[in-house]
Amino acid sequence: MDFSEIPQKHFIFLSWVTALGLLISLTEATIRIKIEKKNTNLRRDKLIKKLYPKKLA
């Protein structure tokens, strides 16, 4: 494959599109991890409250 035929403008455009896609992907992954961690903590707290109620008769 001869890369000298690829116009410079197309190569720069594809590089920017790739970089933007990578940024969006990393942002989405970070948000998903934070949400999953928050949900896990809430689930754990709920289970602890269920096992150890504050009012003991």
PDB file of N, CA and C in Angstrom:
ATOM      1  N   MET A   1       0.844  -1.176   0.000  1.00  0.00           N
ATOM      2  CA  MET A   1       0.000   0.000   0.000  1.00  0.00           C
ATOM      3  C   MET A   1       0.891   1.242   0.000  1.00  0.00           C
ATOM      4  N   ASP A   2       0.605   2.145  -0.902  1.00  0.00           N
ATOM      5  CA  ASP A   2       1.420   3.341  -1.039  1.00  0.00           C
ATOM      6  C   ASP A   2       0.749   4.497  -0.305  1.00  0.00           C
ATOM      7  N   PHE A   3       1.328   4.879   0.833  1.00  0.00           N
ATOM      8  CA  PHE A   3       0.726   5.945   1.641  1.00  0.00           C
ATOM      9  C   PHE A   3       1.014   7.335   1.094  1.00  0.00           C
ATOM     10  N   SER A   4       1.884   7.442   0.145  1.00  0.00           N
ATOM     11  CA  SER A   4       2.192   8.753  -0.416  1.00  0.00           C
ATOM     12  C   SER A   4       1.022   9.298  -1.238  1.00  0.00           C
ATOM     13  N   GLU A   5       0.071   8.429  -1.582  1.00  0.00           N
ATOM     14  CA  GLU A   5      -1.084   8.873  -2.367  1.00  0.00           C
ATOM     15  C   GLU A   5      -2.162   9.516  -1.483  1.00  0.00           C
ATOM     16  N   ILE A   6      -2.104   9.284  -0.172  1.00  0.00           N
ATOM     17  CA  ILE A   6      -3.126   9.839   0.716  1.00  0.00           C
ATOM     18  C   ILE A   6      -2.884  11.340   0.868  1.00  0.00           C
ATOM     19  N   PRO A   7      -3.862  12.135   0.526  1.00  0.00           N
ATOM     20  CA  PRO A   7      -3.694  13.582   0.686  1.00  0.00           C
ATOM     21  C   PRO A   7      -3.510  13.944   2.157  1.00  0.00           C
ATOM     22  N   GLN A   8      -2.728  14.958   2.413  1.00  0.00           N
ATOM     23  CA  GLN A   8      -2.394  15.362   3.775  1.00  0.00           C
ATOM     24  C   GLN A   8      -3.641  15.781   4.559  1.00  0.00           C
ATOM     25  N   LYS A   9      -4.573  16.454   3.925  1.00  0.00           N
ATOM     26  CA  LYS A   9      -5.765  16.928   4.621  1.00  0.00           C
ATOM     27  C   LYS A   9      -6.623  15.769   5.128  1.00  0.00           C
ATOM     28  N   HIS A  10      -6.752  14.722   4.354  1.00  0.00           N
ATOM     29  CA  HIS A  10      -7.547  13.568   4.763  1.00  0.00           C
ATOM     30  C   HIS A  10      -6.902  12.861   5.949  1.00  0.00           C
ATOM     31  N   PHE A  11      -5.585  12.766   5.914  1.00  0.00           N
ATOM     32  CA  PHE A  11      -4.868  12.111   7.005  1.00  0.00           C
ATOM     33  C   PHE A  11      -5.044  12.887   8.313  1.00  0.00           C
ATOM     34  N   ILE A  12      -4.934  14.199   8.252  1.00  0.00           N
ATOM     35  CA  ILE A  12      -5.118  15.031   9.444  1.00  0.00           C
ATOM     36  C   ILE A  12      -6.552  14.916   9.941  1.00  0.00           C
ATOM     37  N   PHE A  13      -7.517  14.934   9.034  1.00  0.00           N
ATOM     38  CA  PHE A  13      -8.922  14.805   9.421  1.00  0.00           C
ATOM     39  C   PHE A  13      -9.178  13.466  10.117  1.00  0.00           C
ATOM     40  N   LEU A  14      -8.675  12.383   9.553  1.00  0.00           N
ATOM     41  CA  LEU A  14      -8.861  11.064  10.157  1.00  0.00           C
ATOM     42  C   LEU A  14      -8.168  10.971  11.514  1.00  0.00           C
ATOM     43  N   SER A  15      -7.041  11.632  11.659  1.00  0.00           N
ATOM     44  CA  SER A  15      -6.344  11.644  12.948  1.00  0.00           C
ATOM     45  C   SER A  15      -7.181  12.352  14.004  1.00  0.00           C
ATOM     46  N   TRP A  16      -7.779  13.469  13.643  1.00  0.00           N
ATOM     47  CA  TRP A  16      -8.634  14.204  14.590  1.00  0.00           C
ATOM     48  C   TRP A  16      -9.880  13.397  14.947  1.00  0.00           C
ATOM     49  N   VAL A  17     -10.483  12.745  13.982  1.00  0.00           N
ATOM     50  CA  VAL A  17     -11.665  11.920  14.240  1.00  0.00           C
ATOM     51  C   VAL A  17     -11.311  10.775  15.182  1.00  0.00           C
ATOM     52  N   THR A  18     -10.164  10.151  14.952  1.00  0.00           N
ATOM     53  CA  THR A  18      -9.716   9.060  15.812  1.00  0.00           C
ATOM     54  C   THR A  18      -9.452   9.560  17.231  1.00  0.00           C
ATOM     55  N   ALA A  19      -8.796  10.694  17.357  1.00  0.00           N
ATOM     56  CA  ALA A  19      -8.501  11.260  18.676  1.00  0.00           C
ATOM     57  C   ALA A  19      -9.797  11.630  19.400  1.00  0.00           C
ATOM     58  N   LEU A  20     -10.735  12.197  18.686  1.00  0.00           N
ATOM     59  CA  LEU A  20     -12.019  12.565  19.293  1.00  0.00           C
ATOM     60  C   LEU A  20     -12.776  11.319  19.736  1.00  0.00           C
ATOM     61  N   GLY A  21     -12.769  10.282  18.921  1.00  0.00           N
ATOM     62  CA  GLY A  21     -13.418   9.025  19.286  1.00  0.00           C
ATOM     63  C   GLY A  21     -12.793   8.406  20.523  1.00  0.00           C
ATOM     64  N   LEU A  22     -11.484   8.460  20.615  1.00  0.00           N
ATOM     65  CA  LEU A  22     -10.787   7.929  21.786  1.00  0.00           C
ATOM     66  C   LEU A  22     -11.146   8.722  23.035  1.00  0.00           C
ATOM     67  N   LEU A  23     -11.207  10.033  22.921  1.00  0.00           N
ATOM     68  CA  LEU A  23     -11.578  10.887  24.053  1.00  0.00           C
ATOM     69  C   LEU A  23     -12.998  10.582  24.521  1.00  0.00           C
ATOM     70  N   ILE A  24     -13.912  10.441  23.596  1.00  0.00           N
ATOM     71  CA  ILE A  24     -15.304  10.121  23.945  1.00  0.00           C
ATOM     72  C   ILE A  24     -15.381   8.749  24.614  1.00  0.00           C
ATOM     73  N   SER A  25     -14.653   7.793  24.097  1.00  0.00           N
ATOM     74  CA  SER A  25     -14.656   6.446  24.656  1.00  0.00           C
ATOM     75  C   SER A  25     -14.105   6.435  26.078  1.00  0.00           C
ATOM     76  N   LEU A  26     -13.011   7.130  26.309  1.00  0.00           N
ATOM     77  CA  LEU A  26     -12.427   7.187  27.649  1.00  0.00           C
ATOM     78  C   LEU A  26     -13.345   7.907  28.629  1.00  0.00           C
ATOM     79  N   THR A  27     -14.001   8.959  28.170  1.00  0.00           N
ATOM     80  CA  THR A  27     -14.939   9.683  29.026  1.00  0.00           C
ATOM     81  C   THR A  27     -16.110   8.797  29.404  1.00  0.00           C
ATOM     82  N   GLU A  28     -16.653   8.063  28.441  1.00  0.00           N
ATOM     83  CA  GLU A  28     -17.769   7.164  28.704  1.00  0.00           C
ATOM     84  C   GLU A  28     -17.369   6.072  29.696  1.00  0.00           C
ATOM     85  N   ALA A  29     -16.187   5.509  29.512  1.00  0.00           N
ATOM     86  CA  ALA A  29     -15.717   4.457  30.418  1.00  0.00           C
ATOM     87  C   ALA A  29     -15.544   4.994  31.832  1.00  0.00           C
ATOM     88  N   THR A  30     -15.008   6.196  31.968  1.00  0.00           N
ATOM     89  CA  THR A  30     -14.814   6.803  33.283  1.00  0.00           C
ATOM     90  C   THR A  30     -16.151   7.028  33.971  1.00  0.00           C
ATOM     91  N   ILE A  31     -17.121   7.536  33.238  1.00  0.00           N
ATOM     92  CA  ILE A  31     -18.451   7.787  33.810  1.00  0.00           C
ATOM     93  C   ILE A  31     -19.107   6.481  34.219  1.00  0.00           C
ATOM     94  N   ARG A  32     -18.994   5.454  33.379  1.00  0.00           N
ATOM     95  CA  ARG A  32     -19.587   4.148  33.717  1.00  0.00           C
ATOM     96  C   ARG A  32     -18.962   3.563  34.976  1.00  0.00           C
ATOM     97  N   ILE A  33     -17.641   3.680  35.110  1.00  0.00           N
ATOM     98  CA  ILE A  33     -16.960   3.153  36.297  1.00  0.00           C
ATOM     99  C   ILE A  33     -17.416   3.887  37.549  1.00  0.00           C
ATOM    100  N   LYS A  34     -17.540   5.212  37.473  1.00  0.00           N
ATOM    101  CA  LYS A  34     -17.983   5.992  38.638  1.00  0.00           C
ATOM    102  C   LYS A  34     -19.410   5.630  39.030  1.00  0.00           C
ATOM    103  N   ILE A  35     -20.290   5.476  38.046  1.00  0.00           N
ATOM    104  CA  ILE A  35     -21.682   5.115  38.333  1.00  0.00           C
ATOM    105  C   ILE A  35     -21.757   3.721  38.936  1.00  0.00           C
ATOM    106  N   GLU A  36     -20.977   2.787  38.385  1.00  0.00           N
ATOM    107  CA  GLU A  36     -20.979   1.422  38.901  1.00  0.00           C
ATOM    108  C   GLU A  36     -20.464   1.386  40.342  1.00  0.00           C
ATOM    109  N   LYS A  37     -19.436   2.163  40.621  1.00  0.00           N
ATOM    110  CA  LYS A  37     -18.890   2.223  41.979  1.00  0.00           C
ATOM    111  C   LYS A  37     -19.910   2.806  42.951  1.00  0.00           C
ATOM    112  N   LYS A  38     -20.608   3.849  42.517  1.00  0.00           N
ATOM    113  CA  LYS A  38     -21.641   4.478  43.355  1.00  0.00           C
ATOM    114  C   LYS A  38     -22.771   3.489  43.635  1.00  0.00           C
ATOM    115  N   ASN A  39     -23.218   2.786  42.599  1.00  0.00           N
ATOM    116  CA  ASN A  39     -24.296   1.805  42.782  1.00  0.00           C
ATOM    117  C   ASN A  39     -23.876   0.665  43.701  1.00  0.00           C
ATOM    118  N   THR A  40     -22.620   0.237  43.584  1.00  0.00           N
ATOM    119  CA  THR A  40     -22.116  -0.828  44.454  1.00  0.00           C
ATOM    120  C   THR A  40     -22.108  -0.369  45.909  1.00  0.00           C
ATOM    121  N   ASN A  41     -21.663   0.857  46.134  1.00  0.00           N
ATOM    122  CA  ASN A  41     -21.645   1.388  47.502  1.00  0.00           C
ATOM    123  C   ASN A  41     -23.054   1.520  48.066  1.00  0.00           C
ATOM    124  N   LEU A  42     -23.995   1.980  47.259  1.00  0.00           N
ATOM    125  CA  LEU A  42     -25.376   2.108  47.720  1.00  0.00           C
ATOM    126  C   LEU A  42     -25.967   0.736  48.037  1.00  0.00           C
ATOM    127  N   ARG A  43     -25.688  -0.249  47.188  1.00  0.00           N
ATOM    128  CA  ARG A  43     -26.185  -1.601  47.407  1.00  0.00           C
ATOM    129  C   ARG A  43     -25.602  -2.194  48.693  1.00  0.00           C
ATOM    130  N   ARG A  44     -24.317  -1.954  48.928  1.00  0.00           N
ATOM    131  CA  ARG A  44     -23.661  -2.455  50.124  1.00  0.00           C
ATOM    132  C   ARG A  44     -24.246  -1.796  51.375  1.00  0.00           C
ATOM    133  N   ASP A  45     -24.435  -0.472  51.334  1.00  0.00           N
ATOM    134  CA  ASP A  45     -25.026   0.237  52.468  1.00  0.00           C
ATOM    135  C   ASP A  45     -26.443  -0.257  52.759  1.00  0.00           C
ATOM    136  N   LYS A  46     -27.198  -0.499  51.716  1.00  0.00           N
ATOM    137  CA  LYS A  46     -28.566  -0.999  51.876  1.00  0.00           C
ATOM    138  C   LYS A  46     -28.572  -2.375  52.541  1.00  0.00           C
ATOM    139  N   LEU A  47     -27.648  -3.231  52.117  1.00  0.00           N
ATOM    140  CA  LEU A  47     -27.546  -4.564  52.701  1.00  0.00           C
ATOM    141  C   LEU A  47     -27.113  -4.490  54.168  1.00  0.00           C
ATOM    142  N   ILE A  48     -26.182  -3.621  54.481  1.00  0.00           N
ATOM    143  CA  ILE A  48     -25.727  -3.463  55.872  1.00  0.00           C
ATOM    144  C   ILE A  48     -26.863  -2.959  56.746  1.00  0.00           C
ATOM    145  N   LYS A  49     -27.624  -1.992  56.256  1.00  0.00           N
ATOM    146  CA  LYS A  49     -28.759  -1.476  57.033  1.00  0.00           C
ATOM    147  C   LYS A  49     -29.817  -2.554  57.244  1.00  0.00           C
ATOM    148  N   LYS A  50     -29.972  -3.426  56.260  1.00  0.00           N
ATOM    149  CA  LYS A  50     -30.952  -4.503  56.376  1.00  0.00           C
ATOM    150  C   LYS A  50     -30.492  -5.539  57.408  1.00  0.00           C
ATOM    151  N   LEU A  51     -29.211  -5.815  57.447  1.00  0.00           N
ATOM    152  CA  LEU A  51     -28.675  -6.802  58.373  1.00  0.00           C
ATOM    153  C   LEU A  51     -28.551  -6.268  59.803  1.00  0.00           C
ATOM    154  N   TYR A  52     -28.238  -4.984  59.928  1.00  0.00           N
ATOM    155  CA  TYR A  52     -28.024  -4.382  61.237  1.00  0.00           C
ATOM    156  C   TYR A  52     -28.962  -3.190  61.408  1.00  0.00           C
ATOM    157  N   PRO A  53     -30.219  -3.417  61.754  1.00  0.00           N
ATOM    158  CA  PRO A  53     -31.135  -2.281  61.932  1.00  0.00           C
ATOM    159  C   PRO A  53     -30.753  -1.460  63.163  1.00  0.00           C
ATOM    160  N   LYS A  54     -31.103  -0.181  63.127  1.00  0.00           N
ATOM    161  CA  LYS A  54     -30.762   0.720  64.238  1.00  0.00           C
ATOM    162  C   LYS A  54     -31.596   0.415  65.474  1.00  0.00           C
ATOM    163  N   LYS A  55     -32.881   0.138  65.272  1.00  0.00           N
ATOM    164  CA  LYS A  55     -33.765  -0.129  66.399  1.00  0.00           C
ATOM    165  C   LYS A  55     -33.719  -1.610  66.749  1.00  0.00           C
ATOM    166  N   LEU A  56     -33.264  -1.891  67.926  1.00  0.00           N
ATOM    167  CA  LEU A  56     -33.282  -3.264  68.414  1.00  0.00           C
ATOM    168  C   LEU A  56     -34.281  -3.313  69.571  1.00  0.00           C
ATOM    169  N   ALA A  57     -35.320  -4.120  69.405  1.00  0.00           N
ATOM    170  CA  ALA A  57     -36.389  -4.172  70.400  1.00  0.00           C
ATOM    171  C   ALA A  57     -36.048  -4.968  71.618  1.00  0.00           C
TER     172      ALA A  57
END
